[in-house]
């Protein structure tokens, strides 16, 4: 299996096919909905915005970072996994922080804190367990 199992953040593209094969389209959809809701909740908790605007931001952040993940998946496929995870996380924070800056031009610090918090939550609560599950198949 490709070591870059990377994000709906940057680490998601490599998880899509295995999750689809195991759980089907409904399971993949459920995973993506939970990911969006988790990151939306984090954005609300760090007081970035209310639920509706945070949900839109989460959708846009993850759409753009997933596209970046596909590009990284094609270029870093033979790198050691821990490097890939670090690069994917950093790319997620940079891209998603940029999306937040475009949507809400408040302080740079708030947008970066929101991007880091959302990515920590999604990587630790969803993506890492999903990756470990896929690797165990």
Protein backbone atom coordinates (compact mmCIF):
# COMPACT_ATOMS: atom_id res chain seq x y z
CA UNK A 1 0.00 0.00 0.00
CA UNK A 2 1.12 3.49 -0.76
CA UNK A 3 2.77 5.04 2.34
CA UNK A 4 1.04 8.33 1.62
CA UNK A 5 -2.35 7.53 2.93
CA UNK A 6 -2.77 11.32 3.07
CA UNK A 7 -5.78 14.57 4.48
CA UNK A 8 -9.61 15.48 4.11
CA UNK A 9 -7.13 17.38 5.18
CA UNK A 10 -4.18 16.58 3.15
CA UNK A 11 -4.19 13.03 4.61
CA UNK A 12 -7.49 11.74 3.17
CA UNK A 13 -7.01 10.73 -0.50
CA UNK A 14 -5.16 7.53 0.35
CA UNK A 15 -7.95 6.53 2.75
CA UNK A 16 -10.82 7.03 0.31
CA UNK A 17 -10.53 3.79 -1.66
CA UNK A 18 -9.85 1.52 1.34
CA UNK A 19 -12.76 3.06 3.28
CA UNK A 20 -14.97 2.77 0.21
CA UNK A 21 -13.99 -0.90 -0.23
CA UNK A 22 -14.68 -1.76 3.42
CA UNK A 23 -17.73 0.39 4.23
CA UNK A 24 -19.11 1.30 0.84
CA UNK A 25 -20.27 4.68 -0.34
CA UNK A 26 -22.44 5.27 2.72
CA UNK A 27 -19.51 4.59 5.08
CA UNK A 28 -17.23 6.93 3.17
CA UNK A 29 -19.91 9.62 3.16
CA UNK A 30 -20.46 9.16 6.91
CA UNK A 31 -16.70 9.48 7.55
CA UNK A 32 -16.55 12.72 5.56
CA UNK A 33 -19.62 14.15 7.30
CA UNK A 34 -18.16 13.36 10.72
CA UNK A 35 -14.86 14.96 9.67
CA UNK A 36 -16.61 18.13 8.51
CA UNK A 37 -18.73 18.32 11.66
CA UNK A 38 -15.70 17.72 13.90
CA UNK A 39 -13.72 20.53 12.27
CA UNK A 40 -16.81 22.77 12.30
CA UNK A 41 -17.22 22.15 16.04
CA UNK A 42 -13.56 23.00 16.63
CA UNK A 43 -13.92 26.27 14.68
CA UNK A 44 -16.97 27.17 16.76
CA UNK A 45 -15.20 26.26 20.03
CA UNK A 46 -12.18 28.47 19.23
CA UNK A 47 -14.72 31.22 18.48
CA UNK A 48 -13.74 31.57 14.85
CA UNK A 49 -17.38 31.85 13.74
CA UNK A 50 -20.90 30.57 14.32
CA UNK A 51 -21.98 27.10 13.17
CA UNK A 52 -23.14 27.98 9.63
CA UNK A 53 -20.06 29.97 8.65
CA UNK A 54 -17.77 27.43 10.34
CA UNK A 55 -19.43 24.59 8.40
CA UNK A 56 -18.91 26.44 5.11
CA UNK A 57 -15.28 27.12 6.07
CA UNK A 58 -14.75 23.46 6.97
CA UNK A 59 -16.20 22.34 3.65
CA UNK A 60 -14.00 24.74 1.65
CA UNK A 61 -10.87 24.00 3.72
CA UNK A 62 -11.23 20.27 3.25
CA UNK A 63 -12.08 20.49 -0.43
CA UNK A 64 -8.94 22.50 -1.19
CA UNK A 65 -6.64 20.53 1.10
CA UNK A 66 -7.92 17.23 -0.30
CA UNK A 67 -6.99 18.40 -3.79
CA UNK A 68 -3.53 19.21 -2.43
CA UNK A 69 -3.48 15.75 -0.82
CA UNK A 70 -4.00 14.10 -4.19
CA UNK A 71 -1.05 16.08 -5.59
CA UNK A 72 1.12 15.11 -2.61
CA UNK A 73 -0.02 11.51 -2.97
CA UNK A 74 1.32 11.48 -6.51
CA UNK A 75 4.65 13.10 -5.63
CA UNK A 76 5.59 11.73 -2.19
CA UNK A 77 4.42 8.14 -2.55
CA UNK A 78 7.86 6.65 -1.81
CA UNK A 79 8.78 8.81 1.21
CA UNK A 80 8.92 7.52 4.78
CA UNK A 81 5.51 7.73 6.41
CA UNK A 82 6.45 10.03 9.31
CA UNK A 83 7.80 12.63 6.85
CA UNK A 84 4.64 12.40 4.82
CA UNK A 85 2.46 12.89 7.89
CA UNK A 86 4.47 15.95 8.97
CA UNK A 87 4.33 17.44 5.48
CA UNK A 88 0.62 16.67 5.16
CA UNK A 89 -0.16 18.23 8.54
CA UNK A 90 1.88 21.37 7.78
CA UNK A 91 0.29 21.66 4.33
CA UNK A 92 -3.17 21.26 5.85
CA UNK A 93 -2.54 24.01 8.39
CA UNK A 94 -1.10 26.39 5.79
CA UNK A 95 -3.83 25.79 3.20
CA UNK A 96 -6.68 25.76 5.68
CA UNK A 97 -5.29 28.77 7.54
CA UNK A 98 -5.21 30.58 4.19
CA UNK A 99 -8.82 29.66 3.51
CA UNK A 100 -9.80 30.96 6.94
CA UNK A 101 -7.89 34.20 6.29
CA UNK A 102 -9.79 34.69 3.03
CA UNK A 103 -13.12 34.04 4.70
CA UNK A 104 -12.52 36.06 7.86
CA UNK A 105 -9.77 38.61 7.75
CA UNK A 106 -9.30 38.87 11.48
CA UNK A 107 -6.02 38.42 13.19
CA UNK A 108 -3.60 36.00 11.62
CA UNK A 109 -3.18 34.35 15.00
CA UNK A 110 -6.86 33.40 15.37
CA UNK A 111 -6.97 31.85 11.91
CA UNK A 112 -3.78 29.83 12.47
CA UNK A 113 -4.95 28.67 15.92
CA UNK A 114 -8.26 27.60 14.36
CA UNK A 115 -6.50 25.74 11.52
CA UNK A 116 -4.08 23.98 13.89
CA UNK A 117 -6.87 23.02 16.31
CA UNK A 118 -9.15 21.72 13.53
CA UNK A 119 -6.33 19.67 12.01
CA UNK A 120 -5.18 18.26 15.35
CA UNK A 121 -8.73 17.14 16.04
CA UNK A 122 -9.25 15.55 12.64
CA UNK A 123 -5.83 13.88 12.50
CA UNK A 124 -5.93 12.52 16.06
CA UNK A 125 -9.61 11.60 16.33
CA UNK A 126 -10.45 10.46 12.79
CA UNK A 127 -7.58 10.18 10.35
CA UNK A 128 -5.04 8.34 12.54
CA UNK A 129 -7.56 5.70 13.68
CA UNK A 130 -8.83 5.29 10.09
CA UNK A 131 -5.24 4.93 8.85
CA UNK A 132 -4.45 2.31 11.51
CA UNK A 133 -7.63 0.45 10.58
CA UNK A 134 -6.78 0.48 6.88
CA UNK A 135 -3.21 -0.68 7.57
CA UNK A 136 -4.59 -3.60 9.62
CA UNK A 137 -6.66 -4.87 6.66
